[in-house]
C-alpha atoms as a PDB file:
ATOM      1  CA  MET A   1       7.566   8.252 -40.316  1.00  0.00           C
ATOM      2  CA  LYS A   2       6.274   9.174 -36.867  1.00  0.00           C
ATOM      3  CA  GLY A   3       5.675   6.103 -34.820  1.00  0.00           C
ATOM      4  CA  LYS A   4       8.356   3.943 -36.517  1.00  0.00           C
ATOM      5  CA  VAL A   5      11.238   2.274 -34.677  1.00  0.00           C
ATOM      6  CA  VAL A   6      14.290   0.320 -35.739  1.00  0.00           C
ATOM      7  CA  ILE A   7      15.681  -2.130 -33.247  1.00  0.00           C
ATOM      8  CA  PHE A   8      19.243  -3.537 -33.101  1.00  0.00           C
ATOM      9  CA  SER A   9      20.054  -6.429 -30.815  1.00  0.00           C
ATOM     10  CA  ALA A  10      23.100  -8.657 -30.420  1.00  0.00           C
ATOM     11  CA  PRO A  11      25.173 -10.465 -27.910  1.00  0.00           C
ATOM     12  CA  SER A  12      27.583  -8.091 -26.145  1.00  0.00           C
ATOM     13  CA  GLY A  13      30.587  -7.382 -28.427  1.00  0.00           C
ATOM     14  CA  ALA A  14      28.927  -8.379 -31.727  1.00  0.00           C
ATOM     15  CA  GLY A  15      29.222  -4.841 -33.042  1.00  0.00           C
ATOM     16  CA  LYS A  16      25.661  -3.468 -32.863  1.00  0.00           C
ATOM     17  CA  SER A  17      26.767  -0.188 -31.286  1.00  0.00           C
ATOM     18  CA  THR A  18      29.267   0.369 -34.121  1.00  0.00           C
ATOM     19  CA  ILE A  19      26.479  -0.272 -36.679  1.00  0.00           C
ATOM     20  CA  VAL A  20      24.045   1.984 -34.851  1.00  0.00           C
ATOM     21  CA  GLY A  21      26.626   4.755 -34.744  1.00  0.00           C
ATOM     22  CA  ASN A  22      27.094   4.505 -38.513  1.00  0.00           C
ATOM     23  CA  ILE A  23      23.363   4.548 -39.109  1.00  0.00           C
ATOM     24  CA  LEU A  24      22.988   7.762 -37.034  1.00  0.00           C
ATOM     25  CA  LYS A  25      25.688   9.402 -39.196  1.00  0.00           C
ATOM     26  CA  HIS A  26      24.197   8.076 -42.441  1.00  0.00           C
ATOM     27  CA  TYR A  27      20.612   9.307 -41.631  1.00  0.00           C
ATOM     28  CA  PRO A  28      21.220  12.368 -39.408  1.00  0.00           C
ATOM     29  CA  GLU A  29      17.805  13.972 -39.982  1.00  0.00           C
ATOM     30  CA  THR A  30      15.806  10.723 -39.697  1.00  0.00           C
ATOM     31  CA  PHE A  31      16.787   8.868 -36.541  1.00  0.00           C
ATOM     32  CA  GLU A  32      17.316   9.596 -32.908  1.00  0.00           C
ATOM     33  CA  PHE A  33      18.998   7.151 -30.529  1.00  0.00           C
ATOM     34  CA  SER A  34      16.846   5.935 -27.646  1.00  0.00           C
ATOM     35  CA  VAL A  35      18.928   6.109 -24.483  1.00  0.00           C
ATOM     36  CA  SER A  36      18.238   3.017 -22.403  1.00  0.00           C
ATOM     37  CA  ALA A  37      18.153   2.910 -18.612  1.00  0.00           C
ATOM     38  CA  THR A  38      20.399   0.556 -16.716  1.00  0.00           C
ATOM     39  CA  SER A  39      21.309  -0.218 -13.129  1.00  0.00           C
ATOM     40  CA  ARG A  40      24.910  -1.127 -14.027  1.00  0.00           C
ATOM     41  CA  ASN A  41      27.758   1.259 -13.312  1.00  0.00           C
ATOM     42  CA  PRO A  42      29.189   3.408 -16.114  1.00  0.00           C
ATOM     43  CA  ARG A  43      32.148   2.024 -18.037  1.00  0.00           C
ATOM     44  CA  GLY A  44      35.061   4.112 -19.138  1.00  0.00           C
ATOM     45  CA  SER A  45      33.894   7.582 -20.247  1.00  0.00           C
ATOM     46  CA  GLU A  46      30.159   6.780 -20.301  1.00  0.00           C
ATOM     47  CA  ARG A  47      27.923   9.625 -19.137  1.00  0.00           C
ATOM     48  CA  ASP A  48      24.510   9.615 -17.624  1.00  0.00           C
ATOM     49  CA  GLY A  49      21.826  10.543 -20.180  1.00  0.00           C
ATOM     50  CA  VAL A  50      24.182  10.003 -23.136  1.00  0.00           C
ATOM     51  CA  GLU A  51      25.006   6.264 -23.355  1.00  0.00           C
ATOM     52  CA  TYR A  52      22.530   5.234 -20.634  1.00  0.00           C
ATOM     53  CA  TYR A  53      20.414   6.634 -17.876  1.00  0.00           C
ATOM     54  CA  PHE A  54      22.253   5.164 -14.882  1.00  0.00           C
ATOM     55  CA  LEU A  55      19.914   4.250 -12.069  1.00  0.00           C
ATOM     56  CA  SER A  56      20.278   2.320  -8.858  1.00  0.00           C
ATOM     57  CA  ALA A  57      18.688  -1.174  -8.813  1.00  0.00           C
ATOM     58  CA  ASP A  58      16.206   0.164  -6.233  1.00  0.00           C
ATOM     59  CA  ARG A  59      15.219   3.154  -8.391  1.00  0.00           C
ATOM     60  CA  PHE A  60      14.841   0.866 -11.384  1.00  0.00           C
ATOM     61  CA  ARG A  61      12.442  -1.296  -9.421  1.00  0.00           C
ATOM     62  CA  GLU A  62      10.482   1.774  -8.371  1.00  0.00           C
ATOM     63  CA  LEU A  63      10.076   2.789 -12.048  1.00  0.00           C
ATOM     64  CA  ILE A  64       8.976  -0.780 -12.924  1.00  0.00           C
ATOM     65  CA  ALA A  65       6.269  -0.546 -10.257  1.00  0.00           C
ATOM     66  CA  GLN A  66       5.209   2.845 -11.772  1.00  0.00           C
ATOM     67  CA  ASP A  67       4.864   1.207 -15.256  1.00  0.00           C
ATOM     68  CA  ALA A  68       7.420   3.693 -16.645  1.00  0.00           C
ATOM     69  CA  PHE A  69       9.025   1.220 -19.116  1.00  0.00           C
ATOM     70  CA  VAL A  70       8.048   0.060 -22.549  1.00  0.00           C
ATOM     71  CA  GLU A  71      10.154  -2.998 -21.780  1.00  0.00           C
ATOM     72  CA  HIS A  72      12.752  -4.035 -19.138  1.00  0.00           C
ATOM     73  CA  GLU A  73      14.831  -7.010 -18.278  1.00  0.00           C
ATOM     74  CA  GLU A  74      16.912  -8.176 -15.360  1.00  0.00           C
ATOM     75  CA  VAL A  75      19.878  -9.395 -17.425  1.00  0.00           C
ATOM     76  CA  TYR A  76      21.980 -10.372 -14.466  1.00  0.00           C
ATOM     77  CA  LYS A  77      21.115 -10.266 -10.726  1.00  0.00           C
ATOM     78  CA  ASP A  78      20.340  -6.624  -9.840  1.00  0.00           C
ATOM     79  CA  ARG A  79      21.481  -5.538 -13.354  1.00  0.00           C
ATOM     80  CA  PHE A  80      18.459  -4.155 -15.182  1.00  0.00           C
ATOM     81  CA  TYR A  81      18.097  -2.624 -18.611  1.00  0.00           C
ATOM     82  CA  GLY A  82      15.004  -1.024 -20.010  1.00  0.00           C
ATOM     83  CA  THR A  83      13.390   1.536 -22.359  1.00  0.00           C
ATOM     84  CA  LEU A  84      11.615   4.352 -20.648  1.00  0.00           C
ATOM     85  CA  LYS A  85       8.189   5.391 -22.091  1.00  0.00           C
ATOM     86  CA  SER A  86       9.214   9.022 -21.622  1.00  0.00           C
ATOM     87  CA  GLU A  87      12.188   8.483 -23.970  1.00  0.00           C
ATOM     88  CA  VAL A  88       9.928   7.100 -26.725  1.00  0.00           C
ATOM     89  CA  GLU A  89       7.475  10.011 -26.331  1.00  0.00           C
ATOM     90  CA  ARG A  90      10.308  12.550 -26.386  1.00  0.00           C
ATOM     91  CA  ILE A  91      11.747  11.277 -29.676  1.00  0.00           C
ATOM     92  CA  TRP A  92       8.390  10.943 -31.421  1.00  0.00           C
ATOM     93  CA  ALA A  93       7.506  14.452 -30.314  1.00  0.00           C
ATOM     94  CA  ASP A  94      10.576  15.569 -32.294  1.00  0.00           C
ATOM     95  CA  GLY A  95       9.227  13.798 -35.371  1.00  0.00           C
ATOM     96  CA  LYS A  96      12.133  11.257 -35.482  1.00  0.00           C
ATOM     97  CA  VAL A  97      12.291   7.546 -35.983  1.00  0.00           C
ATOM     98  CA  ILE A  98      13.594   5.843 -32.880  1.00  0.00           C
ATOM     99  CA  ILE A  99      16.712   3.612 -33.088  1.00  0.00           C
ATOM    100  CA  PHE A 100      17.256   1.116 -30.334  1.00  0.00           C
ATOM    101  CA  ASP A 101      20.468  -0.622 -29.275  1.00  0.00           C
ATOM    102  CA  VAL A 102      19.317  -3.299 -26.858  1.00  0.00           C
ATOM    103  CA  ASP A 103      20.050  -6.839 -25.743  1.00  0.00           C
ATOM    104  CA  VAL A 104      18.366  -9.740 -27.441  1.00  0.00           C
ATOM    105  CA  LYS A 105      15.443 -10.235 -25.064  1.00  0.00           C
ATOM    106  CA  GLY A 106      14.869  -6.469 -25.076  1.00  0.00           C
ATOM    107  CA  GLY A 107      14.775  -6.561 -28.906  1.00  0.00           C
ATOM    108  CA  VAL A 108      12.216  -9.312 -28.936  1.00  0.00           C
ATOM    109  CA  ASN A 109      10.070  -7.443 -26.409  1.00  0.00           C
ATOM    110  CA  LEU A 110      10.294  -4.167 -28.360  1.00  0.00           C
ATOM    111  CA  LYS A 111       9.271  -5.904 -31.589  1.00  0.00           C
ATOM    112  CA  LYS A 112       6.286  -7.390 -29.847  1.00  0.00           C
ATOM    113  CA  TYR A 113       5.349  -4.006 -28.381  1.00  0.00           C
ATOM    114  CA  PHE A 114       5.712  -1.995 -31.609  1.00  0.00           C
ATOM    115  CA  GLY A 115       4.672  -4.726 -34.053  1.00  0.00           C
ATOM    116  CA  GLU A 116       4.556  -3.667 -37.708  1.00  0.00           C
ATOM    117  CA  ASN A 117       5.881  -0.208 -36.810  1.00  0.00           C
ATOM    118  CA  ALA A 118       9.208  -1.841 -35.940  1.00  0.00           C
ATOM    119  CA  LEU A 119      12.047  -3.307 -38.040  1.00  0.00           C
ATOM    120  CA  SER A 120      14.227  -5.551 -35.913  1.00  0.00           C
ATOM    121  CA  PHE A 121      17.828  -6.566 -36.605  1.00  0.00           C
ATOM    122  CA  LEU A 122      19.848  -9.233 -34.941  1.00  0.00           C
ATOM    123  CA  ILE A 123      23.608  -8.617 -35.308  1.00  0.00           C
ATOM    124  CA  VAL A 124      25.525 -11.835 -35.163  1.00  0.00           C
ATOM    125  CA  PRO A 125      29.301 -12.266 -34.665  1.00  0.00           C
ATOM    126  CA  PRO A 126      31.088 -14.447 -37.252  1.00  0.00           C
ATOM    127  CA  SER A 127      31.969 -16.885 -34.458  1.00  0.00           C
ATOM    128  CA  LEU A 128      32.184 -17.138 -30.725  1.00  0.00           C
ATOM    129  CA  GLU A 129      35.962 -17.060 -30.986  1.00  0.00           C
ATOM    130  CA  ILE A 130      35.877 -13.698 -32.754  1.00  0.00           C
ATOM    131  CA  LEU A 131      33.318 -12.449 -30.231  1.00  0.00           C
ATOM    132  CA  GLU A 132      35.726 -13.416 -27.407  1.00  0.00           C
ATOM    133  CA  SER A 133      38.518 -11.515 -29.112  1.00  0.00           C
ATOM    134  CA  ARG A 134      36.306  -8.402 -29.475  1.00  0.00           C
ATOM    135  CA  LEU A 135      35.347  -8.537 -25.810  1.00  0.00           C
ATOM    136  CA  ARG A 136      38.980  -8.840 -24.689  1.00  0.00           C
ATOM    137  CA  GLY A 137      39.946  -6.012 -27.068  1.00  0.00           C
ATOM    138  CA  ARG A 138      37.599  -3.622 -25.337  1.00  0.00           C
ATOM    139  CA  GLY A 139      39.633  -3.796 -22.121  1.00  0.00           C
ATOM    140  CA  THR A 140      36.570  -2.997 -20.032  1.00  0.00           C
ATOM    141  CA  ASP A 141      35.516  -6.367 -18.699  1.00  0.00           C
ATOM    142  CA  SER A 142      37.032  -8.727 -16.063  1.00  0.00           C
ATOM    143  CA  GLU A 143      37.933 -12.314 -17.010  1.00  0.00           C
ATOM    144  CA  GLU A 144      34.833 -13.459 -15.110  1.00  0.00           C
ATOM    145  CA  ASP A 145      32.648 -10.931 -17.013  1.00  0.00           C
ATOM    146  CA  ILE A 146      34.052 -12.132 -20.348  1.00  0.00           C
ATOM    147  CA  ARG A 147      33.258 -15.773 -19.503  1.00  0.00           C
ATOM    148  CA  THR A 148      29.715 -14.782 -18.388  1.00  0.00           C
ATOM    149  CA  ARG A 149      29.155 -12.728 -21.568  1.00  0.00           C
ATOM    150  CA  LEU A 150      30.312 -15.629 -23.841  1.00  0.00           C
ATOM    151  CA  ALA A 151      28.010 -18.102 -22.117  1.00  0.00           C
ATOM    152  CA  LYS A 152      25.163 -15.557 -22.348  1.00  0.00           C
ATOM    153  CA  ALA A 153      25.931 -14.907 -26.075  1.00  0.00           C
ATOM    154  CA  GLN A 154      25.435 -18.583 -26.916  1.00  0.00           C
ATOM    155  CA  SER A 155      22.096 -18.752 -25.094  1.00  0.00           C
ATOM    156  CA  GLU A 156      21.019 -15.375 -26.653  1.00  0.00           C
ATOM    157  CA  LEU A 157      21.783 -16.597 -30.161  1.00  0.00           C
ATOM    158  CA  ASP A 158      19.867 -19.831 -29.535  1.00  0.00           C
ATOM    159  CA  PHE A 159      16.889 -17.854 -28.160  1.00  0.00           C
ATOM    160  CA  ALA A 160      16.929 -15.197 -30.956  1.00  0.00           C
ATOM    161  CA  HIS A 161      16.775 -17.556 -33.923  1.00  0.00           C
ATOM    162  CA  GLY A 162      13.741 -16.685 -36.019  1.00  0.00           C
ATOM    163  CA  ARG A 163      12.572 -13.826 -33.779  1.00  0.00           C
ATOM    164  CA  PHE A 164      14.053 -10.901 -35.744  1.00  0.00           C
ATOM    165  CA  ASP A 165      13.094  -9.449 -39.121  1.00  0.00           C
ATOM    166  CA  VAL A 166      16.673  -9.342 -40.329  1.00  0.00           C
ATOM    167  CA  GLU A 167      19.856 -11.161 -39.299  1.00  0.00           C
ATOM    168  CA  ILE A 168      23.189  -9.560 -40.215  1.00  0.00           C
ATOM    169  CA  VAL A 169      26.495 -11.349 -39.722  1.00  0.00           C
ATOM    170  CA  ASN A 170      28.961  -8.604 -38.723  1.00  0.00           C
ATOM    171  CA  ASP A 171      32.134  -9.943 -40.298  1.00  0.00           C
ATOM    172  CA  GLU A 172      32.991  -7.161 -42.787  1.00  0.00           C
ATOM    173  CA  LEU A 173      31.579  -3.853 -41.453  1.00  0.00           C
ATOM    174  CA  ASP A 174      31.040  -2.217 -44.889  1.00  0.00           C
ATOM    175  CA  GLU A 175      29.052  -5.257 -46.158  1.00  0.00           C
ATOM    176  CA  ALA A 176      27.018  -5.306 -42.917  1.00  0.00           C
ATOM    177  CA  LEU A 177      26.288  -1.641 -43.265  1.00  0.00           C
ATOM    178  CA  ALA A 178      25.304  -1.869 -46.878  1.00  0.00           C
ATOM    179  CA  ARG A 179      22.758  -4.622 -46.111  1.00  0.00           C
ATOM    180  CA  THR A 180      21.437  -2.762 -43.169  1.00  0.00           C
ATOM    181  CA  TYR A 181      20.944   0.508 -45.133  1.00  0.00           C
ATOM    182  CA  GLU A 182      19.046  -1.410 -47.838  1.00  0.00           C
ATOM    183  CA  GLN A 183      16.637  -2.897 -45.259  1.00  0.00           C
ATOM    184  CA  ILE A 184      16.159   0.453 -43.543  1.00  0.00           C
ATOM    185  CA  ASP A 185      15.440   2.310 -46.757  1.00  0.00           C
ATOM    186  CA  SER A 186      12.789  -0.283 -47.703  1.00  0.00           C
ATOM    187  CA  PHE A 187      11.185  -0.015 -44.199  1.00  0.00           C
ATOM    188  CA  LEU A 188      11.095   3.812 -44.173  1.00  0.00           C
ATOM    189  CA  CYS A 189       9.346   3.880 -47.558  1.00  0.00           C
ATOM    190  CA  ARG A 190       6.453   1.670 -46.311  1.00  0.00           C
END
């Protein structure tokens, strides 16, 4: 299994992190979560090196110039996200399959980079109205951030169509997980 990766992408609030968390519990010996780097500030109880590697925008740019990323994206002005090459090497050195929780463009870029060694999932909300409700329910974003995320979600879904191996509508979590596990089991047996 060395060298395999599973990629999860979705608009913010679609539930990909919940699905990824369940997968890590379901396959505790198989997967390790790839911690992404970001230039945004921590939210709530997020900790550096756990949910993300929190970097300044300037430090992020320095690492881009040093070719330290597998992929990176400036999602909003001065708000970068990316996958460090050192993180990929660390997980593979432990003999684990890497699991990614990234935005839609990051997912497309990772799939291109890893090719047939990657299984990519797009997690889709049942509707934009439900997505809005989920974002508000988090209690972590301002009204302006919620409006920005909803507009971005629509453009991400339009961009993502046909670019992922599997699309899962996250309406009923148990059903979404069952379909996800089935796809992962098939991929790991290849």
